[in-house]
Amino acid sequence: MMSTNQNLAEIQPLTGFNQTLTYRLSPKFTNLVQVGTLVQIPLGSRRVLGIVFSLAPSEVPPQKSLKFIIAVVQEETVLTEELIRLARWITSYYAASMESVLEAMIPAAIREGMQAKTLRTIAVAGSDQVLDEKILQRAPKQRILYEFLARTKHPVDLRETLNNLNLTESVAVGLVEKGLASFQKEEIQRVAYDDDLEDCEQRVQSNLKLTDEQKDSGKEIKNDLQRGEFRVRLILGVTGSGKTEVYLEAMKTVLAQNGGVLFLVPEVALAPQTVSRLRHFFSGTEEEVVVWHSNLAAGERVDAWRRLRTGKAKIVVGARSAVFSPLVNLRLIIVDEEHEPSYKQEVSPRYHGRDVAVYRAMLNRSTCILGSATPSLETMRNVELGKFKQSNLTKRVDGKELPLIHLV
């Protein structure tokens, strides 16, 4: 029997407890808690974290035995319903515990409640405001700060400004209390690989004219995308055939429709050059390329997570773990060098990044591109069975012949 009580939540604890528990919501949390919200709950004598899986528990214990949620850890939901479905599939298919899967999906810094880094600023209150000379007549230091802010006409770093003017914070507080200035907070984004990693070769390649084979493959992918259905397509291309250019054309189509793109690479070491290539290619647009892998600093990962979760960034590049990134409106998944064994996770939860990517594409009714010059046997078998489509790139973009091979 389904519960219609809006004050109940079915929660999955993150503490080795492999089943959901029902908790009550106090009135202050009723409008904050949604499916996917990260909360703190009592479990025995401990306080542990949990994820809200449902607001309509299938089984409702007696009200007297139910405990209340203690706190909401993050204002944004940390998992979408789609990612919850993906987590359930992984636990079933790979015989993994739900706790290990959820910990792989949600960065540790997010679970610990880390927030965005902010900068405290100060600005003059109202650009059209006329200063009454009497207000600052007996406050010369406040006058110095006010005149500086009036000249800059935009928010400035509070600490740096006070240091440069040899003033204390009490001067700024006094100015704010008189209504002549206001304190503000600006979010500082910590961007991984923010320096320019491009080289001349990458600039030339991104401006190359597509070959006939690349155009044909691009049209086939575009048709897949326009169908709005789950499709998996193998791009079987020899080394140097320009698979990346085909990926980029597909990404342009998706981004034009406000869709999200997940670009997986087999190794963390390949992420910088891929990110550089994409940032250069989309440098003339407002598209933001976010990096996602286990080697990022905690702050970088938190900011990347927030940019993706809020939809401010629509492109994410990363290694195996990026398959769990919280993209909004995911329309295209690219698995480059899909045959690489490094897509397999060797510690719990054990999973194959390529197969999880395909299943996630199915959940989103989106397109998944598998690129390789030497596809895995599993992928080739799926092509033979008609489950996957195939596009071929048989020639190198520079026209050079392939090396002569002798079978001995």
Protein backbone atom coordinates (compact mmCIF):
# COMPACT_ATOMS: atom_id res chain seq x y z
CA MET A 1 0.00 0.00 0.00
CA MET A 2 1.47 3.34 -1.10
CA SER A 3 1.67 6.10 1.46
CA THR A 4 0.24 9.52 0.66
CA ASN A 5 1.82 11.09 3.72
CA GLN A 6 4.05 13.91 2.50
CA ASN A 7 5.95 13.93 5.79
CA LEU A 8 7.66 10.57 5.21
CA ALA A 9 10.80 9.72 3.25
CA GLU A 10 12.41 6.44 2.23
CA ILE A 11 16.15 6.86 2.77
CA GLN A 12 19.18 4.77 1.83
CA PRO A 13 21.81 5.07 4.62
CA LEU A 14 25.46 5.40 3.59
CA THR A 15 26.81 3.18 6.29
CA GLY A 16 26.89 -0.46 5.22
CA PHE A 17 23.10 -0.76 5.50
CA ASN A 18 21.95 -2.32 2.23
CA GLN A 19 18.26 -1.44 2.43
CA THR A 20 16.17 1.70 2.73
CA LEU A 21 14.62 2.96 5.95
CA THR A 22 11.62 5.22 6.52
CA TYR A 23 12.01 8.53 8.36
CA ARG A 24 9.75 11.45 9.22
CA LEU A 25 10.20 15.00 7.97
CA SER A 26 9.80 17.90 10.35
CA PRO A 27 7.92 20.90 8.89
CA LYS A 28 11.15 22.86 8.31
CA PHE A 29 12.40 20.17 5.93
CA THR A 30 9.17 19.48 4.05
CA ASN A 31 9.97 21.88 1.20
CA LEU A 32 13.71 21.19 1.19
CA VAL A 33 13.76 17.42 0.86
CA GLN A 34 13.34 15.87 -2.58
CA VAL A 35 14.24 12.56 -4.18
CA GLY A 36 18.06 12.60 -4.32
CA THR A 37 18.59 14.93 -1.35
CA LEU A 38 21.58 14.19 0.89
CA VAL A 39 20.49 14.21 4.53
CA GLN A 40 21.78 13.36 7.99
CA ILE A 41 19.75 10.77 9.87
CA PRO A 42 19.86 8.97 13.23
CA LEU A 43 20.70 5.27 13.02
CA GLY A 44 20.88 3.62 16.39
CA SER A 45 23.16 5.79 18.51
CA ARG A 46 24.94 7.26 15.48
CA ARG A 47 24.33 10.10 13.05
CA VAL A 48 24.92 8.98 9.47
CA LEU A 49 24.37 10.24 5.94
CA GLY A 50 21.61 9.01 3.68
CA ILE A 51 20.05 9.63 0.28
CA VAL A 52 16.32 10.16 -0.14
CA PHE A 53 15.13 7.48 -2.58
CA SER A 54 11.41 8.13 -2.34
CA LEU A 55 8.86 10.43 -0.72
CA ALA A 56 6.21 7.71 -0.89
CA PRO A 57 7.51 4.73 1.11
CA SER A 58 5.97 1.40 0.13
CA GLU A 59 5.99 0.22 3.74
CA VAL A 60 5.17 2.57 6.61
CA PRO A 61 6.02 1.45 10.16
CA PRO A 62 3.96 2.79 13.08
CA GLN A 63 4.39 6.56 13.36
CA LYS A 64 5.59 6.33 16.97
CA SER A 65 8.61 4.24 15.95
CA LEU A 66 9.77 6.62 13.20
CA LYS A 67 12.63 9.02 13.77
CA PHE A 68 13.08 12.47 12.25
CA ILE A 69 15.66 13.56 9.70
CA ILE A 70 18.33 15.63 11.49
CA ALA A 71 19.64 17.92 8.73
CA VAL A 72 19.90 18.56 4.99
CA VAL A 73 23.58 18.41 4.00
CA GLN A 74 23.36 19.94 0.51
CA GLU A 75 20.64 22.24 -0.80
CA GLU A 76 20.86 20.77 -4.31
CA THR A 77 19.84 17.16 -4.82
CA VAL A 78 23.02 15.08 -5.12
CA LEU A 79 21.43 12.41 -7.31
CA THR A 80 18.78 12.57 -10.01
CA GLU A 81 16.12 9.87 -10.26
CA GLU A 82 17.97 8.60 -13.33
CA LEU A 83 21.20 8.14 -11.35
CA ILE A 84 19.29 6.36 -8.58
CA ARG A 85 17.96 3.93 -11.19
CA LEU A 86 21.50 3.51 -12.49
CA ALA A 87 22.76 2.79 -8.96
CA ARG A 88 20.12 0.12 -8.47
CA TRP A 89 21.08 -1.53 -11.76
CA ILE A 90 24.79 -1.54 -10.85
CA THR A 91 24.09 -3.15 -7.46
CA SER A 92 22.07 -5.86 -9.17
CA TYR A 93 24.22 -6.45 -12.28
CA TYR A 94 27.63 -6.29 -10.58
CA ALA A 95 26.54 -7.62 -7.16
CA ALA A 96 27.88 -4.48 -5.48
CA SER A 97 26.66 -2.93 -2.24
CA MET A 98 24.47 0.15 -2.57
CA GLU A 99 26.76 2.06 -0.21
CA SER A 100 29.84 1.51 -2.40
CA VAL A 101 27.94 2.52 -5.54
CA LEU A 102 26.58 5.72 -4.01
CA GLU A 103 30.01 6.66 -2.67
CA ALA A 104 31.41 6.23 -6.18
CA MET A 105 28.68 8.46 -7.58
CA ILE A 106 28.86 11.27 -5.02
CA PRO A 107 32.24 12.98 -4.45
CA ALA A 108 33.54 12.73 -0.88
CA ALA A 109 33.71 16.52 -0.57
CA ILE A 110 30.00 16.78 -1.45
CA ARG A 111 29.14 14.12 1.12
CA GLU A 112 31.15 16.08 3.70
CA GLY A 113 29.10 19.19 3.00
CA MET A 114 31.80 21.28 1.30
CA GLN A 115 30.34 24.42 -0.25
CA ALA A 116 31.48 26.68 -3.06
CA LYS A 117 34.46 28.94 -2.36
CA THR A 118 33.39 32.55 -1.97
CA LEU A 119 35.11 35.92 -1.90
CA ARG A 120 33.80 38.61 0.45
CA THR A 121 33.49 41.91 -1.37
CA ILE A 122 32.29 45.44 -0.66
CA ALA A 123 30.70 47.98 -2.98
CA VAL A 124 29.23 51.45 -2.71
CA ALA A 125 25.47 51.37 -2.12
CA GLY A 126 23.77 52.87 -5.16
CA SER A 127 25.75 54.57 -7.90
CA ASP A 128 23.32 57.51 -8.02
CA GLN A 129 23.43 58.14 -4.29
CA VAL A 130 24.44 61.71 -3.28
CA LEU A 131 26.71 61.76 -0.22
CA ASP A 132 25.63 63.95 2.66
CA GLU A 133 28.91 65.52 3.79
CA LYS A 134 27.75 65.59 7.40
CA ILE A 135 27.50 61.78 7.59
CA LEU A 136 31.25 61.25 7.26
CA GLN A 137 32.37 64.54 8.75
CA ARG A 138 33.71 62.85 11.88
CA ALA A 139 34.78 59.59 10.21
CA PRO A 140 37.83 60.35 8.02
CA LYS A 141 38.76 56.70 7.57
CA GLN A 142 35.25 55.83 6.41
CA ARG A 143 35.48 58.73 3.97
CA ILE A 144 38.71 57.30 2.53
CA LEU A 145 37.04 53.92 1.96
CA TYR A 146 33.86 55.48 0.57
CA GLU A 147 35.74 57.65 -1.92
CA PHE A 148 37.75 54.62 -3.09
CA LEU A 149 34.57 52.58 -3.61
CA ALA A 150 32.88 55.46 -5.39
CA ARG A 151 35.79 55.67 -7.83
CA THR A 152 35.92 51.92 -8.58
CA LYS A 153 32.12 51.62 -9.04
CA HIS A 154 32.18 47.83 -8.73
CA PRO A 155 32.56 45.28 -5.91
CA VAL A 156 36.14 44.84 -4.68
CA ASP A 157 37.90 42.27 -2.51
CA LEU A 158 37.20 43.43 1.06
CA ARG A 159 40.38 42.09 2.67
CA GLU A 160 42.70 43.27 -0.10
CA THR A 161 41.11 46.72 -0.20
CA LEU A 162 41.40 47.23 3.55
CA ASN A 163 45.03 46.12 3.51
CA ASN A 164 45.90 48.45 0.63
CA LEU A 165 44.23 51.42 2.36
CA ASN A 166 45.64 50.44 5.78
CA LEU A 167 42.17 50.26 7.29
CA THR A 168 40.44 47.82 9.63
CA GLU A 169 37.25 45.88 9.04
CA SER A 170 35.42 48.02 11.59
CA VAL A 171 35.72 50.92 9.14
CA ALA A 172 33.90 48.91 6.48
CA VAL A 173 31.27 47.75 8.97
CA GLY A 174 30.63 51.36 9.99
CA LEU A 175 30.20 52.39 6.36
CA VAL A 176 27.71 49.57 5.78
CA GLU A 177 25.74 50.44 8.93
CA LYS A 178 25.33 53.99 7.59
CA GLY A 179 23.85 52.60 4.39
CA LEU A 180 26.70 53.90 2.21
CA ALA A 181 28.10 50.49 1.24
CA SER A 182 27.12 46.84 1.22
CA PHE A 183 28.89 43.54 1.73
CA GLN A 184 28.55 40.90 -0.98
CA LYS A 185 29.82 37.42 -1.73
CA GLU A 186 31.18 36.29 -5.08
CA GLU A 187 31.62 32.64 -5.92
CA ILE A 188 35.16 31.72 -6.99
CA GLN A 189 35.31 28.87 -9.46
CA ARG A 190 38.22 26.46 -9.15
CA VAL A 191 38.86 25.21 -12.68
CA ALA A 192 41.03 22.19 -13.41
CA TYR A 193 43.52 22.61 -16.30
CA ASP A 194 42.72 26.31 -16.51
CA ASP A 195 46.03 27.11 -18.22
CA ASP A 196 46.35 27.05 -22.00
CA LEU A 197 47.49 23.60 -23.08
CA GLU A 198 46.84 24.03 -26.78
CA ASP A 199 49.55 23.68 -29.36
CA CYS A 200 49.76 24.54 -33.03
CA GLU A 201 48.96 21.02 -34.15
CA GLN A 202 45.67 21.04 -32.24
CA ARG A 203 44.72 24.42 -33.70
CA VAL A 204 45.25 23.15 -37.25
CA GLN A 205 43.42 19.88 -36.66
CA SER A 206 40.31 21.53 -35.23
CA ASN A 207 40.00 23.60 -38.42
CA LEU A 208 40.44 20.69 -40.83
CA LYS A 209 37.84 20.10 -43.51
CA LEU A 210 35.97 16.85 -42.97
CA THR A 211 36.59 13.95 -45.32
CA ASP A 212 33.72 12.22 -47.12
CA GLU A 213 33.83 9.34 -44.64
CA GLN A 214 33.74 11.74 -41.70
CA LYS A 215 30.76 13.56 -43.22
CA ASP A 216 28.91 10.27 -43.76
CA SER A 217 29.57 9.16 -40.17
CA GLY A 218 28.50 12.57 -38.91
CA LYS A 219 25.20 12.34 -40.83
CA GLU A 220 24.50 8.88 -39.41
CA ILE A 221 25.09 10.12 -35.85
CA LYS A 222 22.97 13.21 -36.49
CA ASN A 223 20.10 10.98 -37.61
CA ASP A 224 20.50 8.95 -34.42
CA LEU A 225 20.32 12.12 -32.35
CA GLN A 226 17.26 13.45 -34.17
CA ARG A 227 15.34 10.26 -33.47
CA GLY A 228 15.47 11.03 -29.75
CA GLU A 229 15.79 7.32 -29.00
CA PHE A 230 18.38 5.14 -27.33
CA ARG A 231 21.08 4.32 -29.90
CA VAL A 232 24.59 2.92 -29.65
CA ARG A 233 26.94 3.42 -32.60
CA LEU A 234 30.45 2.07 -33.06
CA ILE A 235 32.83 4.38 -34.92
CA LEU A 236 35.31 1.87 -36.33
CA GLY A 237 38.16 4.04 -37.54
CA VAL A 238 41.78 3.32 -38.23
CA THR A 239 44.40 5.28 -36.31
CA GLY A 240 44.57 8.83 -37.69
CA SER A 241 41.18 8.63 -39.43
CA GLY A 242 39.79 11.62 -37.51
CA LYS A 243 37.32 10.06 -35.08
CA THR A 244 37.64 13.08 -32.78
CA GLU A 245 36.40 15.42 -35.52
CA VAL A 246 33.30 13.24 -35.88
CA TYR A 247 32.78 13.45 -32.12
CA LEU A 248 33.04 17.24 -32.25
CA GLU A 249 30.42 17.53 -34.99
CA ALA A 250 28.05 15.36 -32.96
CA MET A 251 28.69 17.51 -29.89
CA LYS A 252 27.83 20.67 -31.82
CA THR A 253 24.47 19.18 -32.78
CA VAL A 254 23.65 18.22 -29.19
CA LEU A 255 24.75 21.53 -27.68
CA ALA A 256 22.65 23.44 -30.21
CA GLN A 257 19.66 21.62 -28.70
CA ASN A 258 20.75 22.51 -25.15
CA GLY A 259 21.77 18.92 -24.44
CA GLY A 260 24.56 17.61 -22.23
CA VAL A 261 27.63 15.70 -23.43
CA LEU A 262 29.67 13.12 -21.51
CA PHE A 263 33.12 12.41 -23.04
CA LEU A 264 34.96 9.45 -21.53
CA VAL A 265 38.67 8.78 -22.04
CA PRO A 266 40.40 5.59 -20.84
CA GLU A 267 43.17 7.24 -18.79
CA VAL A 268 43.39 10.28 -16.52
CA ALA A 269 46.59 11.22 -18.37
CA LEU A 270 44.56 11.73 -21.57
CA ALA A 271 42.13 14.18 -19.97
CA PRO A 272 44.31 17.35 -20.25
CA GLN A 273 44.87 17.11 -24.01
CA THR A 274 41.21 16.23 -24.64
CA VAL A 275 40.01 19.12 -22.48
CA SER A 276 42.40 21.48 -24.26
CA ARG A 277 41.15 20.33 -27.64
CA LEU A 278 37.49 20.80 -26.72
CA ARG A 279 38.02 24.16 -25.04
CA HIS A 280 39.76 25.43 -28.14
CA PHE A 281 37.08 24.04 -30.45
CA PHE A 282 34.28 25.69 -28.45
CA SER A 283 36.25 28.82 -27.57
CA GLY A 284 34.01 30.93 -29.81
CA THR A 285 30.94 29.90 -27.84
CA GLU A 286 29.87 30.15 -24.22
CA GLU A 287 30.12 26.40 -23.72
CA GLU A 288 32.10 25.39 -20.64
CA VAL A 289 34.17 22.20 -20.55
CA VAL A 290 34.39 20.61 -17.10
CA VAL A 291 36.96 18.02 -16.01
CA TRP A 292 35.98 15.04 -13.86
CA HIS A 293 38.30 12.36 -12.49
CA SER A 294 39.59 11.00 -9.18
CA ASN A 295 42.85 13.00 -9.23
CA LEU A 296 41.16 16.39 -8.93
CA ALA A 297 41.53 18.44 -5.77
CA ALA A 298 38.46 18.42 -3.54
CA GLY A 299 37.60 22.04 -4.33
CA GLU A 300 37.94 21.52 -8.08
CA ARG A 301 35.68 18.51 -7.94
CA VAL A 302 33.05 20.31 -5.86
CA ASP A 303 32.95 23.22 -8.31
CA ALA A 304 32.82 20.86 -11.31
CA TRP A 305 29.96 18.97 -9.65
CA ARG A 306 28.02 22.18 -9.01
CA ARG A 307 28.51 23.50 -12.55
CA LEU A 308 27.17 20.25 -13.97
CA ARG A 309 24.36 19.79 -11.45
CA THR A 310 23.00 23.29 -12.05
CA GLY A 311 23.29 22.99 -15.83
CA LYS A 312 25.80 25.85 -16.12
CA ALA A 313 28.23 23.45 -17.82
CA LYS A 314 27.02 20.98 -20.45
CA ILE A 315 30.27 19.21 -21.36
CA VAL A 316 32.24 16.95 -19.05
CA VAL A 317 35.47 15.14 -19.90
CA GLY A 318 36.90 12.49 -17.65
CA ALA A 319 38.06 8.97 -17.03
CA ARG A 320 35.98 6.04 -15.81
CA SER A 321 34.34 7.75 -12.81
CA ALA A 322 33.00 10.58 -15.00
CA VAL A 323 30.26 8.19 -16.10
CA PHE A 324 28.50 9.18 -12.85
CA SER A 325 28.77 12.97 -13.38
CA PRO A 326 25.44 14.77 -12.72
CA LEU A 327 24.82 16.17 -16.20
CA VAL A 328 21.49 17.80 -16.92
CA ASN A 329 19.61 16.68 -20.06
CA LEU A 330 22.24 14.11 -21.07
CA ARG A 331 21.87 13.55 -24.83
CA LEU A 332 25.24 12.20 -25.94
CA ILE A 333 27.84 9.87 -24.39
CA ILE A 334 31.19 9.33 -26.13
CA VAL A 335 33.43 6.45 -25.04
CA ASP A 336 36.76 6.94 -26.77
CA GLU A 337 38.98 3.85 -27.21
CA GLU A 338 36.16 1.72 -25.85
CA HIS A 339 38.26 -1.45 -26.00
CA GLU A 340 40.71 -0.26 -23.31
CA PRO A 341 40.74 -2.47 -20.18
CA SER A 342 41.23 0.62 -17.99
CA TYR A 343 37.48 1.24 -18.23
CA LYS A 344 37.13 -1.64 -15.78
CA GLN A 345 37.02 -0.67 -12.11
CA GLU A 346 39.20 -3.11 -10.16
CA VAL A 347 38.03 -2.20 -6.65
CA SER A 348 34.55 -2.14 -5.16
CA PRO A 349 32.23 -1.29 -6.72
CA ARG A 350 33.57 -3.26 -9.68
CA TYR A 351 32.00 -2.13 -12.94
CA HIS A 352 32.85 -1.55 -16.60
CA GLY A 353 32.70 2.14 -17.50
CA ARG A 354 31.75 1.42 -21.12
CA ASP A 355 28.83 -0.82 -20.18
CA VAL A 356 27.60 1.60 -17.52
CA ALA A 357 27.78 4.38 -20.13
CA VAL A 358 25.63 2.33 -22.51
CA TYR A 359 23.07 1.61 -19.79
CA ARG A 360 22.98 5.26 -18.75
CA ALA A 361 22.35 6.24 -22.36
CA MET A 362 19.43 3.81 -22.37
CA LEU A 363 17.98 5.39 -19.22
CA ASN A 364 18.16 8.83 -20.84
CA ARG A 365 17.00 7.68 -24.29
CA SER A 366 20.18 9.24 -25.65
CA THR A 367 22.94 8.31 -28.10
CA CYS A 368 26.13 6.53 -27.10
CA ILE A 369 29.16 6.56 -29.42
CA LEU A 370 31.86 3.92 -28.99
CA GLY A 371 35.07 4.81 -30.78
CA SER A 372 37.93 2.44 -31.55
CA ALA A 373 40.36 1.21 -34.17
CA THR A 374 40.34 -2.23 -32.52
CA PRO A 375 36.89 -2.75 -30.97
CA SER A 376 36.31 -5.22 -28.18
CA LEU A 377 34.78 -8.59 -29.02
CA GLU A 378 31.68 -7.70 -26.96
CA THR A 379 31.08 -4.59 -29.04
CA MET A 380 31.62 -6.40 -32.35
CA ARG A 381 29.19 -9.11 -31.26
CA ASN A 382 26.54 -6.50 -30.44
CA VAL A 383 27.07 -5.00 -33.91
CA GLU A 384 26.60 -8.44 -35.49
CA LEU A 385 23.38 -8.94 -33.51
CA GLY A 386 22.08 -5.57 -34.68
CA LYS A 387 22.00 -4.09 -31.17
CA PHE A 388 24.67 -1.52 -32.09
CA LYS A 389 25.05 0.40 -35.36
CA GLN A 390 28.41 0.88 -37.06
CA SER A 391 30.12 3.67 -39.03
CA ASN A 392 33.47 3.15 -40.72
CA LEU A 393 36.49 5.41 -41.19
CA THR A 394 38.89 3.41 -43.34
CA LYS A 395 41.26 6.17 -44.47
CA ARG A 396 43.63 8.52 -42.67
CA VAL A 397 42.80 12.19 -42.89
CA ASP A 398 46.27 13.07 -44.19
CA GLY A 399 46.01 10.56 -47.03
CA LYS A 400 48.97 8.49 -45.83
CA GLU A 401 48.87 4.76 -46.31
CA LEU A 402 48.65 2.37 -43.39
CA PRO A 403 51.83 0.47 -42.50
CA LEU A 404 52.42 -2.80 -44.34
CA ILE A 405 51.75 -5.77 -42.07
CA HIS A 406 53.00 -9.32 -42.55
CA LEU A 407 51.35 -12.26 -40.82
CA VAL A 408 54.01 -14.73 -39.75
